[in-house]
C-alpha atoms as a PDB file:
ATOM      1  CA  UNK A   1     -39.633 -15.223  69.052  1.00  0.00           C
ATOM      2  CA  UNK A   2     -38.392 -12.342  67.852  1.00  0.00           C
ATOM      3  CA  UNK A   3     -41.182  -9.633  65.769  1.00  0.00           C
ATOM      4  CA  UNK A   4     -39.477  -6.537  65.076  1.00  0.00           C
ATOM      5  CA  UNK A   5     -39.585  -3.641  62.513  1.00  0.00           C
ATOM      6  CA  UNK A   6     -36.536  -1.451  62.451  1.00  0.00           C
ATOM      7  CA  UNK A   7     -37.058   1.972  60.486  1.00  0.00           C
ATOM      8  CA  UNK A   8     -34.114   2.574  58.096  1.00  0.00           C
ATOM      9  CA  UNK A   9     -36.005   5.970  56.258  1.00  0.00           C
ATOM     10  CA  UNK A  10     -38.559   7.605  57.071  1.00  0.00           C
ATOM     11  CA  UNK A  11     -38.556  10.709  54.781  1.00  0.00           C
ATOM     12  CA  UNK A  12     -40.506  11.042  51.788  1.00  0.00           C
ATOM     13  CA  UNK A  13     -39.354  12.024  48.113  1.00  0.00           C
ATOM     14  CA  UNK A  14     -36.411  13.912  49.101  1.00  0.00           C
ATOM     15  CA  UNK A  15     -33.631  12.647  51.298  1.00  0.00           C
ATOM     16  CA  UNK A  16     -32.178  15.185  54.248  1.00  0.00           C
ATOM     17  CA  UNK A  17     -29.173  15.025  56.244  1.00  0.00           C
ATOM     18  CA  UNK A  18     -31.296  13.574  59.323  1.00  0.00           C
ATOM     19  CA  UNK A  19     -34.006  11.661  57.166  1.00  0.00           C
ATOM     20  CA  UNK A  20     -33.334   9.153  54.451  1.00  0.00           C
ATOM     21  CA  UNK A  21     -36.607   8.136  52.302  1.00  0.00           C
ATOM     22  CA  UNK A  22     -38.802   4.820  53.273  1.00  0.00           C
ATOM     23  CA  UNK A  23     -36.788   1.693  53.645  1.00  0.00           C
ATOM     24  CA  UNK A  24     -37.467  -0.838  56.660  1.00  0.00           C
ATOM     25  CA  UNK A  25     -36.312  -4.138  58.004  1.00  0.00           C
ATOM     26  CA  UNK A  26     -38.804  -6.415  59.309  1.00  0.00           C
ATOM     27  CA  UNK A  27     -36.992  -8.955  61.495  1.00  0.00           C
ATOM     28  CA  UNK A  28     -39.278 -12.219  62.183  1.00  0.00           C
ATOM     29  CA  UNK A  29     -37.600 -15.429  64.014  1.00  0.00           C
ATOM     30  CA  UNK A  30     -34.172 -14.071  62.389  1.00  0.00           C
ATOM     31  CA  UNK A  31     -35.523 -13.939  59.056  1.00  0.00           C
ATOM     32  CA  UNK A  32     -34.930 -10.533  57.541  1.00  0.00           C
ATOM     33  CA  UNK A  33     -37.423  -9.218  55.193  1.00  0.00           C
ATOM     34  CA  UNK A  34     -36.805  -5.875  53.601  1.00  0.00           C
ATOM     35  CA  UNK A  35     -39.620  -3.561  52.949  1.00  0.00           C
ATOM     36  CA  UNK A  36     -38.876  -1.022  50.304  1.00  0.00           C
ATOM     37  CA  UNK A  37     -35.509   0.154  49.134  1.00  0.00           C
ATOM     38  CA  UNK A  38     -34.988   3.967  48.975  1.00  0.00           C
ATOM     39  CA  UNK A  39     -31.549   5.403  48.084  1.00  0.00           C
ATOM     40  CA  UNK A  40     -28.968   4.673  50.948  1.00  0.00           C
ATOM     41  CA  UNK A  41     -30.690   1.900  52.248  1.00  0.00           C
ATOM     42  CA  UNK A  42     -27.480  -0.490  51.807  1.00  0.00           C
ATOM     43  CA  UNK A  43     -25.192   2.433  54.005  1.00  0.00           C
ATOM     44  CA  UNK A  44     -28.542   2.149  56.774  1.00  0.00           C
ATOM     45  CA  UNK A  45     -28.095  -1.221  56.804  1.00  0.00           C
ATOM     46  CA  UNK A  46     -24.376  -1.023  57.654  1.00  0.00           C
ATOM     47  CA  UNK A  47     -24.640   1.521  60.289  1.00  0.00           C
ATOM     48  CA  UNK A  48     -27.025  -1.000  61.974  1.00  0.00           C
ATOM     49  CA  UNK A  49     -24.525  -3.646  61.390  1.00  0.00           C
ATOM     50  CA  UNK A  50     -27.019  -6.068  59.304  1.00  0.00           C
ATOM     51  CA  UNK A  51     -25.026  -7.915  57.028  1.00  0.00           C
ATOM     52  CA  UNK A  52     -26.759  -7.478  53.711  1.00  0.00           C
ATOM     53  CA  UNK A  53     -26.648 -11.136  52.704  1.00  0.00           C
ATOM     54  CA  UNK A  54     -28.940 -12.039  55.378  1.00  0.00           C
ATOM     55  CA  UNK A  55     -31.651 -10.387  53.413  1.00  0.00           C
ATOM     56  CA  UNK A  56     -33.428 -13.119  51.208  1.00  0.00           C
ATOM     57  CA  UNK A  57     -36.809 -11.400  50.496  1.00  0.00           C
ATOM     58  CA  UNK A  58     -37.596  -7.811  49.223  1.00  0.00           C
ATOM     59  CA  UNK A  59     -40.766  -6.535  48.425  1.00  0.00           C
ATOM     60  CA  UNK A  60     -41.187  -2.927  46.690  1.00  0.00           C
ATOM     61  CA  UNK A  61     -44.776  -0.862  47.251  1.00  0.00           C
ATOM     62  CA  UNK A  62     -44.717   0.690  44.102  1.00  0.00           C
ATOM     63  CA  UNK A  63     -42.299   2.478  41.489  1.00  0.00           C
ATOM     64  CA  UNK A  64     -42.007   6.008  42.783  1.00  0.00           C
ATOM     65  CA  UNK A  65     -37.903   6.451  43.235  1.00  0.00           C
ATOM     66  CA  UNK A  66     -38.285   7.352  46.976  1.00  0.00           C
ATOM     67  CA  UNK A  67     -38.826   3.700  47.301  1.00  0.00           C
ATOM     68  CA  UNK A  68     -37.058   1.484  44.737  1.00  0.00           C
ATOM     69  CA  UNK A  69     -33.855   3.915  43.796  1.00  0.00           C
ATOM     70  CA  UNK A  70     -31.660   2.056  46.389  1.00  0.00           C
ATOM     71  CA  UNK A  71     -32.693  -1.685  45.079  1.00  0.00           C
ATOM     72  CA  UNK A  72     -29.546  -1.956  42.138  1.00  0.00           C
ATOM     73  CA  UNK A  73     -27.136  -0.634  44.240  1.00  0.00           C
ATOM     74  CA  UNK A  74     -27.895  -3.306  46.945  1.00  0.00           C
ATOM     75  CA  UNK A  75     -28.886  -5.954  44.353  1.00  0.00           C
ATOM     76  CA  UNK A  76     -25.192  -5.421  42.768  1.00  0.00           C
ATOM     77  CA  UNK A  77     -23.210  -4.661  46.534  1.00  0.00           C
ATOM     78  CA  UNK A  78     -24.308  -8.234  46.962  1.00  0.00           C
ATOM     79  CA  UNK A  79     -22.908  -9.840  43.883  1.00  0.00           C
ATOM     80  CA  UNK A  80     -19.712  -7.553  44.348  1.00  0.00           C
ATOM     81  CA  UNK A  81     -19.607  -9.276  47.707  1.00  0.00           C
ATOM     82  CA  UNK A  82     -20.176 -12.894  46.720  1.00  0.00           C
ATOM     83  CA  UNK A  83     -23.403 -13.636  46.828  1.00  0.00           C
ATOM     84  CA  UNK A  84     -24.264 -17.260  45.656  1.00  0.00           C
ATOM     85  CA  UNK A  85     -27.795 -17.413  46.898  1.00  0.00           C
ATOM     86  CA  UNK A  86     -31.193 -16.879  45.450  1.00  0.00           C
ATOM     87  CA  UNK A  87     -32.522 -13.233  46.248  1.00  0.00           C
ATOM     88  CA  UNK A  88     -36.486 -12.815  45.865  1.00  0.00           C
ATOM     89  CA  UNK A  89     -38.102  -9.525  45.072  1.00  0.00           C
ATOM     90  CA  UNK A  90     -41.405  -8.668  45.124  1.00  0.00           C
ATOM     91  CA  UNK A  91     -42.872  -5.781  43.390  1.00  0.00           C
ATOM     92  CA  UNK A  92     -44.810  -4.418  40.154  1.00  0.00           C
ATOM     93  CA  UNK A  93     -44.495  -6.204  37.080  1.00  0.00           C
ATOM     94  CA  UNK A  94     -42.465  -3.484  35.717  1.00  0.00           C
ATOM     95  CA  UNK A  95     -39.836  -3.623  38.438  1.00  0.00           C
ATOM     96  CA  UNK A  96     -38.486  -7.045  36.895  1.00  0.00           C
ATOM     97  CA  UNK A  97     -37.937  -4.945  33.116  1.00  0.00           C
ATOM     98  CA  UNK A  98     -35.614  -1.930  35.108  1.00  0.00           C
ATOM     99  CA  UNK A  99     -34.007  -4.372  36.714  1.00  0.00           C
ATOM    100  CA  UNK A 100     -33.048  -5.887  33.445  1.00  0.00           C
ATOM    101  CA  UNK A 101     -32.166  -3.004  31.903  1.00  0.00           C
ATOM    102  CA  UNK A 102     -29.872  -1.599  34.705  1.00  0.00           C
ATOM    103  CA  UNK A 103     -27.827  -5.044  34.806  1.00  0.00           C
ATOM    104  CA  UNK A 104     -27.509  -5.163  31.222  1.00  0.00           C
ATOM    105  CA  UNK A 105     -26.352  -1.729  30.472  1.00  0.00           C
ATOM    106  CA  UNK A 106     -23.649  -2.677  32.979  1.00  0.00           C
ATOM    107  CA  UNK A 107     -23.146  -5.690  31.562  1.00  0.00           C
ATOM    108  CA  UNK A 108     -23.327  -7.193  35.004  1.00  0.00           C
ATOM    109  CA  UNK A 109     -23.735 -11.288  35.209  1.00  0.00           C
ATOM    110  CA  UNK A 110     -24.923 -12.003  38.804  1.00  0.00           C
ATOM    111  CA  UNK A 111     -23.315 -14.326  40.975  1.00  0.00           C
ATOM    112  CA  UNK A 112     -26.864 -15.582  42.314  1.00  0.00           C
ATOM    113  CA  UNK A 113     -30.352 -16.431  41.167  1.00  0.00           C
ATOM    114  CA  UNK A 114     -32.462 -13.194  41.240  1.00  0.00           C
ATOM    115  CA  UNK A 115     -35.909 -14.789  41.034  1.00  0.00           C
ATOM    116  CA  UNK A 116     -38.593 -12.005  40.619  1.00  0.00           C
ATOM    117  CA  UNK A 117     -42.517 -12.126  41.873  1.00  0.00           C
ATOM    118  CA  UNK A 118     -44.647  -9.668  39.775  1.00  0.00           C
ATOM    119  CA  UNK A 119     -47.734  -8.510  42.057  1.00  0.00           C
ATOM    120  CA  UNK A 120     -51.370  -8.250  41.468  1.00  0.00           C
ATOM    121  CA  UNK A 121     -51.413  -4.354  42.545  1.00  0.00           C
ATOM    122  CA  UNK A 122     -55.055  -4.331  42.669  1.00  0.00           C
ATOM    123  CA  UNK A 123     -56.491  -7.599  45.426  1.00  0.00           C
ATOM    124  CA  UNK A 124     -55.315  -8.645  48.773  1.00  0.00           C
ATOM    125  CA  UNK A 125     -53.308 -11.904  48.435  1.00  0.00           C
ATOM    126  CA  UNK A 126     -51.047 -13.962  50.244  1.00  0.00           C
ATOM    127  CA  UNK A 127     -47.390 -13.312  48.679  1.00  0.00           C
ATOM    128  CA  UNK A 128     -45.098 -15.220  50.760  1.00  0.00           C
ATOM    129  CA  UNK A 129     -45.876 -18.018  53.402  1.00  0.00           C
ATOM    130  CA  UNK A 130     -43.686 -20.094  55.287  1.00  0.00           C
ATOM    131  CA  UNK A 131     -43.935 -22.359  58.383  1.00  0.00           C
ATOM    132  CA  UNK A 132     -44.315 -19.199  60.956  1.00  0.00           C
ATOM    133  CA  UNK A 133     -45.474 -16.725  59.045  1.00  0.00           C
ATOM    134  CA  UNK A 134     -47.417 -14.876  55.884  1.00  0.00           C
ATOM    135  CA  UNK A 135     -47.632 -11.757  54.205  1.00  0.00           C
ATOM    136  CA  UNK A 136     -49.811 -10.158  51.860  1.00  0.00           C
ATOM    137  CA  UNK A 137     -50.215  -7.602  49.713  1.00  0.00           C
ATOM    138  CA  UNK A 138     -52.658  -4.466  51.068  1.00  0.00           C
ATOM    139  CA  UNK A 139     -54.028  -2.418  48.108  1.00  0.00           C
ATOM    140  CA  UNK A 140     -53.446   1.403  48.538  1.00  0.00           C
ATOM    141  CA  UNK A 141     -54.969   4.674  46.826  1.00  0.00           C
ATOM    142  CA  UNK A 142     -52.112   6.176  45.612  1.00  0.00           C
ATOM    143  CA  UNK A 143     -51.209   8.627  42.315  1.00  0.00           C
ATOM    144  CA  UNK A 144     -49.330   5.054  40.662  1.00  0.00           C
ATOM    145  CA  UNK A 145     -50.082   1.381  41.450  1.00  0.00           C
ATOM    146  CA  UNK A 146     -48.842   0.900  45.243  1.00  0.00           C
ATOM    147  CA  UNK A 147     -49.817  -1.998  47.572  1.00  0.00           C
ATOM    148  CA  UNK A 148     -48.702  -2.208  51.329  1.00  0.00           C
ATOM    149  CA  UNK A 149     -47.947  -5.397  53.103  1.00  0.00           C
ATOM    150  CA  UNK A 150     -49.270  -7.458  55.596  1.00  0.00           C
ATOM    151  CA  UNK A 151     -47.206  -9.195  58.317  1.00  0.00           C
ATOM    152  CA  UNK A 152     -49.268 -12.221  59.827  1.00  0.00           C
ATOM    153  CA  UNK A 153     -47.869 -14.909  62.414  1.00  0.00           C
ATOM    154  CA  UNK A 154     -49.468 -18.396  62.197  1.00  0.00           C
ATOM    155  CA  UNK A 155     -50.778 -19.751  64.857  1.00  0.00           C
ATOM    156  CA  UNK A 156     -47.677 -21.870  66.993  1.00  0.00           C
ATOM    157  CA  UNK A 157     -48.201 -25.068  68.706  1.00  0.00           C
ATOM    158  CA  UNK A 158     -49.107 -25.358  72.286  1.00  0.00           C
ATOM    159  CA  UNK A 159     -46.585 -24.968  74.752  1.00  0.00           C
ATOM    160  CA  UNK A 160     -45.275 -27.395  77.733  1.00  0.00           C
ATOM    161  CA  UNK A 161     -45.349 -26.227  80.948  1.00  0.00           C
ATOM    162  CA  UNK A 162     -42.853 -25.091  82.443  1.00  0.00           C
ATOM    163  CA  UNK A 163     -40.732 -27.314  84.572  1.00  0.00           C
ATOM    164  CA  UNK A 164     -42.989 -30.593  83.016  1.00  0.00           C
ATOM    165  CA  UNK A 165     -40.233 -32.072  80.769  1.00  0.00           C
ATOM    166  CA  UNK A 166     -37.958 -32.747  84.172  1.00  0.00           C
ATOM    167  CA  UNK A 167     -41.168 -33.607  86.380  1.00  0.00           C
ATOM    168  CA  UNK A 168     -42.617 -36.388  84.290  1.00  0.00           C
ATOM    169  CA  UNK A 169     -39.453 -37.476  83.269  1.00  0.00           C
ATOM    170  CA  UNK A 170     -40.250 -36.650  79.297  1.00  0.00           C
ATOM    171  CA  UNK A 171     -38.438 -38.408  76.689  1.00  0.00           C
ATOM    172  CA  UNK A 172     -37.380 -36.115  73.957  1.00  0.00           C
ATOM    173  CA  UNK A 173     -39.327 -37.805  71.203  1.00  0.00           C
ATOM    174  CA  UNK A 174     -42.397 -37.455  72.925  1.00  0.00           C
ATOM    175  CA  UNK A 175     -42.352 -33.410  73.275  1.00  0.00           C
ATOM    176  CA  UNK A 176     -43.337 -32.519  69.493  1.00  0.00           C
ATOM    177  CA  UNK A 177     -46.351 -35.166  69.827  1.00  0.00           C
ATOM    178  CA  UNK A 178     -47.258 -33.166  72.697  1.00  0.00           C
ATOM    179  CA  UNK A 179     -47.160 -30.049  71.315  1.00  0.00           C
ATOM    180  CA  UNK A 180     -49.409 -31.308  68.489  1.00  0.00           C
ATOM    181  CA  UNK A 181     -51.507 -32.157  71.241  1.00  0.00           C
ATOM    182  CA  UNK A 182     -51.036 -35.561  72.300  1.00  0.00           C
ATOM    183  CA  UNK A 183     -51.627 -36.878  75.858  1.00  0.00           C
ATOM    184  CA  UNK A 184     -48.838 -38.479  77.214  1.00  0.00           C
ATOM    185  CA  UNK A 185     -48.208 -41.558  79.494  1.00  0.00           C
ATOM    186  CA  UNK A 186     -45.438 -41.374  81.830  1.00  0.00           C
ATOM    187  CA  UNK A 187     -43.114 -44.424  83.255  1.00  0.00           C
ATOM    188  CA  UNK A 188     -45.478 -45.517  85.230  1.00  0.00           C
ATOM    189  CA  UNK A 189     -48.218 -45.627  83.227  1.00  0.00           C
ATOM    190  CA  UNK A 190     -50.136 -42.788  84.328  1.00  0.00           C
ATOM    191  CA  UNK A 191     -52.107 -40.531  81.740  1.00  0.00           C
ATOM    192  CA  UNK A 192     -51.588 -36.884  82.125  1.00  0.00           C
ATOM    193  CA  UNK A 193     -53.771 -34.872  79.654  1.00  0.00           C
ATOM    194  CA  UNK A 194     -52.214 -32.615  77.288  1.00  0.00           C
ATOM    195  CA  UNK A 195     -54.532 -29.787  79.228  1.00  0.00           C
ATOM    196  CA  UNK A 196     -52.505 -30.546  82.007  1.00  0.00           C
ATOM    197  CA  UNK A 197     -48.834 -30.118  80.825  1.00  0.00           C
ATOM    198  CA  UNK A 198     -49.042 -27.512  78.277  1.00  0.00           C
ATOM    199  CA  UNK A 199     -50.282 -24.059  77.556  1.00  0.00           C
ATOM    200  CA  UNK A 200     -51.864 -22.238  74.733  1.00  0.00           C
ATOM    201  CA  UNK A 201     -49.930 -21.128  72.186  1.00  0.00           C
ATOM    202  CA  UNK A 202     -48.957 -17.461  72.149  1.00  0.00           C
ATOM    203  CA  UNK A 203     -51.509 -15.036  70.328  1.00  0.00           C
ATOM    204  CA  UNK A 204     -50.181 -14.849  66.897  1.00  0.00           C
ATOM    205  CA  UNK A 205     -48.729 -11.206  65.934  1.00  0.00           C
ATOM    206  CA  UNK A 206     -49.324  -8.820  62.994  1.00  0.00           C
ATOM    207  CA  UNK A 207     -47.967  -5.972  61.315  1.00  0.00           C
ATOM    208  CA  UNK A 208     -49.230  -3.776  58.850  1.00  0.00           C
ATOM    209  CA  UNK A 209     -46.704  -1.407  56.118  1.00  0.00           C
ATOM    210  CA  UNK A 210     -48.662   1.400  54.720  1.00  0.00           C
ATOM    211  CA  UNK A 211     -47.518   3.625  52.447  1.00  0.00           C
ATOM    212  CA  UNK A 212     -48.108   5.649  50.127  1.00  0.00           C
ATOM    213  CA  UNK A 213     -52.040   6.107  49.828  1.00  0.00           C
ATOM    214  CA  UNK A 214     -54.242   8.939  50.571  1.00  0.00           C
ATOM    215  CA  UNK A 215     -57.193   8.333  53.143  1.00  0.00           C
ATOM    216  CA  UNK A 216     -58.581   5.037  52.239  1.00  0.00           C
ATOM    217  CA  UNK A 217     -61.265   3.111  54.575  1.00  0.00           C
ATOM    218  CA  UNK A 218     -60.891  -0.272  52.536  1.00  0.00           C
ATOM    219  CA  UNK A 219     -57.748  -0.412  54.192  1.00  0.00           C
ATOM    220  CA  UNK A 220     -59.268  -0.865  57.627  1.00  0.00           C
ATOM    221  CA  UNK A 221     -60.854  -4.310  57.494  1.00  0.00           C
ATOM    222  CA  UNK A 222     -57.339  -5.500  56.082  1.00  0.00           C
ATOM    223  CA  UNK A 223     -55.456  -4.022  59.139  1.00  0.00           C
ATOM    224  CA  UNK A 224     -57.886  -4.342  61.683  1.00  0.00           C
ATOM    225  CA  UNK A 225     -56.755  -5.166  65.026  1.00  0.00           C
ATOM    226  CA  UNK A 226     -52.902  -4.930  63.979  1.00  0.00           C
ATOM    227  CA  UNK A 227     -50.176  -5.085  66.770  1.00  0.00           C
ATOM    228  CA  UNK A 228     -48.555  -2.458  64.659  1.00  0.00           C
ATOM    229  CA  UNK A 229     -49.553  -0.196  62.118  1.00  0.00           C
ATOM    230  CA  UNK A 230     -47.476   1.998  60.305  1.00  0.00           C
ATOM    231  CA  UNK A 231     -49.018   4.526  57.924  1.00  0.00           C
ATOM    232  CA  UNK A 232     -47.975   7.150  56.323  1.00  0.00           C
ATOM    233  CA  UNK A 233     -48.212  10.800  57.330  1.00  0.00           C
ATOM    234  CA  UNK A 234     -46.911  13.284  55.050  1.00  0.00           C
ATOM    235  CA  UNK A 235     -48.070  16.524  55.815  1.00  0.00           C
ATOM    236  CA  UNK A 236     -49.892  17.908  59.183  1.00  0.00           C
ATOM    237  CA  UNK A 237     -54.097  18.777  58.549  1.00  0.00           C
ATOM    238  CA  UNK A 238     -53.532  22.451  57.783  1.00  0.00           C
ATOM    239  CA  UNK A 239     -52.110  20.832  54.346  1.00  0.00           C
ATOM    240  CA  UNK A 240     -55.041  18.226  54.085  1.00  0.00           C
ATOM    241  CA  UNK A 241     -56.198  19.495  50.108  1.00  0.00           C
ATOM    242  CA  UNK A 242     -52.449  19.065  49.287  1.00  0.00           C
ATOM    243  CA  UNK A 243     -52.456  15.810  50.534  1.00  0.00           C
ATOM    244  CA  UNK A 244     -55.591  14.924  48.584  1.00  0.00           C
ATOM    245  CA  UNK A 245     -54.535  16.580  45.905  1.00  0.00           C
ATOM    246  CA  UNK A 246     -51.170  14.303  45.952  1.00  0.00           C
ATOM    247  CA  UNK A 247     -52.976  11.446  47.276  1.00  0.00           C
ATOM    248  CA  UNK A 248     -51.108  11.050  50.515  1.00  0.00           C
ATOM    249  CA  UNK A 249     -52.410  11.426  54.116  1.00  0.00           C
ATOM    250  CA  UNK A 250     -52.422  13.498  57.072  1.00  0.00           C
ATOM    251  CA  UNK A 251     -52.026  13.107  60.717  1.00  0.00           C
ATOM    252  CA  UNK A 252     -55.552  13.504  61.496  1.00  0.00           C
ATOM    253  CA  UNK A 253     -56.248  10.823  58.287  1.00  0.00           C
ATOM    254  CA  UNK A 254     -53.533   8.567  59.602  1.00  0.00           C
ATOM    255  CA  UNK A 255     -54.799   8.768  63.104  1.00  0.00           C
ATOM    256  CA  UNK A 256     -58.228   7.781  62.200  1.00  0.00           C
ATOM    257  CA  UNK A 257     -57.137   4.590  60.397  1.00  0.00           C
ATOM    258  CA  UNK A 258     -55.539   3.533  63.256  1.00  0.00           C
ATOM    259  CA  UNK A 259     -58.465   4.496  65.508  1.00  0.00           C
ATOM    260  CA  UNK A 260     -61.238   2.987  62.893  1.00  0.00           C
ATOM    261  CA  UNK A 261     -59.142  -0.228  62.425  1.00  0.00           C
ATOM    262  CA  UNK A 262     -58.492  -1.083  66.157  1.00  0.00           C
ATOM    263  CA  UNK A 263     -54.826  -1.107  65.924  1.00  0.00           C
ATOM    264  CA  UNK A 264     -52.984  -1.725  69.199  1.00  0.00           C
ATOM    265  CA  UNK A 265     -49.717   1.016  67.941  1.00  0.00           C
ATOM    266  CA  UNK A 266     -49.839   3.374  65.368  1.00  0.00           C
ATOM    267  CA  UNK A 267     -46.154   4.406  63.924  1.00  0.00           C
ATOM    268  CA  UNK A 268     -46.265   7.494  61.572  1.00  0.00           C
ATOM    269  CA  UNK A 269     -43.597   8.014  58.598  1.00  0.00           C
ATOM    270  CA  UNK A 270     -42.948   9.765  55.131  1.00  0.00           C
ATOM    271  CA  UNK A 271     -42.658  12.917  56.071  1.00  0.00           C
ATOM    272  CA  UNK A 272     -42.420  15.718  54.272  1.00  0.00           C
ATOM    273  CA  UNK A 273     -38.976  17.855  53.847  1.00  0.00           C
ATOM    274  CA  UNK A 274     -40.830  20.803  55.121  1.00  0.00           C
ATOM    275  CA  UNK A 275     -41.208  19.825  58.195  1.00  0.00           C
ATOM    276  CA  UNK A 276     -37.609  19.900  60.552  1.00  0.00           C
ATOM    277  CA  UNK A 277     -39.488  19.218  64.092  1.00  0.00           C
ATOM    278  CA  UNK A 278     -41.741  15.878  63.889  1.00  0.00           C
ATOM    279  CA  UNK A 279     -42.859  16.733  67.062  1.00  0.00           C
ATOM    280  CA  UNK A 280     -45.594  18.219  65.791  1.00  0.00           C
ATOM    281  CA  UNK A 281     -46.825  15.865  63.296  1.00  0.00           C
ATOM    282  CA  UNK A 282     -46.811  13.372  66.426  1.00  0.00           C
ATOM    283  CA  UNK A 283     -48.986  15.495  68.503  1.00  0.00           C
ATOM    284  CA  UNK A 284     -51.211  16.336  65.951  1.00  0.00           C
ATOM    285  CA  UNK A 285     -51.915  12.439  65.029  1.00  0.00           C
ATOM    286  CA  UNK A 286     -52.522  11.716  68.763  1.00  0.00           C
ATOM    287  CA  UNK A 287     -55.515  14.033  69.116  1.00  0.00           C
ATOM    288  CA  UNK A 288     -57.023  11.255  67.377  1.00  0.00           C
ATOM    289  CA  UNK A 289     -54.884   8.030  68.290  1.00  0.00           C
ATOM    290  CA  UNK A 290     -53.373   8.603  71.295  1.00  0.00           C
ATOM    291  CA  UNK A 291     -50.668   5.582  70.909  1.00  0.00           C
ATOM    292  CA  UNK A 292     -48.597   6.973  68.238  1.00  0.00           C
ATOM    293  CA  UNK A 293     -45.504   7.113  67.971  1.00  0.00           C
ATOM    294  CA  UNK A 294     -42.955   8.387  65.283  1.00  0.00           C
ATOM    295  CA  UNK A 295     -41.167   6.222  62.857  1.00  0.00           C
ATOM    296  CA  UNK A 296     -37.747   7.934  63.235  1.00  0.00           C
ATOM    297  CA  UNK A 297     -34.788   6.254  61.217  1.00  0.00           C
ATOM    298  CA  UNK A 298     -32.708   3.463  63.161  1.00  0.00           C
ATOM    299  CA  UNK A 299     -35.961   3.379  65.774  1.00  0.00           C
ATOM    300  CA  UNK A 300     -36.987  -0.482  66.603  1.00  0.00           C
ATOM    301  CA  UNK A 301     -40.370  -1.178  67.332  1.00  0.00           C
ATOM    302  CA  UNK A 302     -40.572  -4.813  68.733  1.00  0.00           C
ATOM    303  CA  UNK A 303     -43.900  -6.519  68.420  1.00  0.00           C
END
């Protein structure tokens, strides 16, 4: 089953010619989830050849412009391109008023339903659920109310051992009950226990998105053991005072969170525009947590 994260923007407040501000696309089983929507996000989606109408759920972490200034443009483009299915937006309560003002001022009457889900910015809560996935909030420590997002796969059904369907001539109508744990009696009346024809389900995977935040240890138990953690890394550690003053994180702090949370892989982003060469941030983070990569624009991470 597909579970991958595409980085659409990796810079902090100001875009550069090489790096857009924050936005990511999470693909889980061909359901597309947009996380944050800085200016230029819809152009980035076009660059990676994603039809924007496939996106039905957008999650906004907070109301600093480098995380949502692209949203009204994306909403408008969806309208102009004839969207007719609902669009769900999850974000701080004030965002609903902001979008209403923008749409009213331009006298735009959307062709589709815009469904707004105001977020509780203080607690860890499940905000989305389908048959295979839950998404919950991760409270952050930033200069305005901010949350991250935790994507958790649900435990799947048992898996039929390869070749057993043909070997035992298992009828189609028996496959789902077997996956749900039933034994199977073949055409000769022989009982095959479920453990003989199935394997354990795949281990559920998790992705944690943490931006923007200072070093904040209450994050650790929430993201513990994640297969992939994105953590903002605005500054190198010689700028630790500036990071603390602005309630952002450094390389060493991001690596420390990843290490204490025992995650499998860390990706760092939200880079200050002061850094042209990002390898220095990567090298410094690796001194604390070796399995780290840069969240560069266009990079895809598969779980």
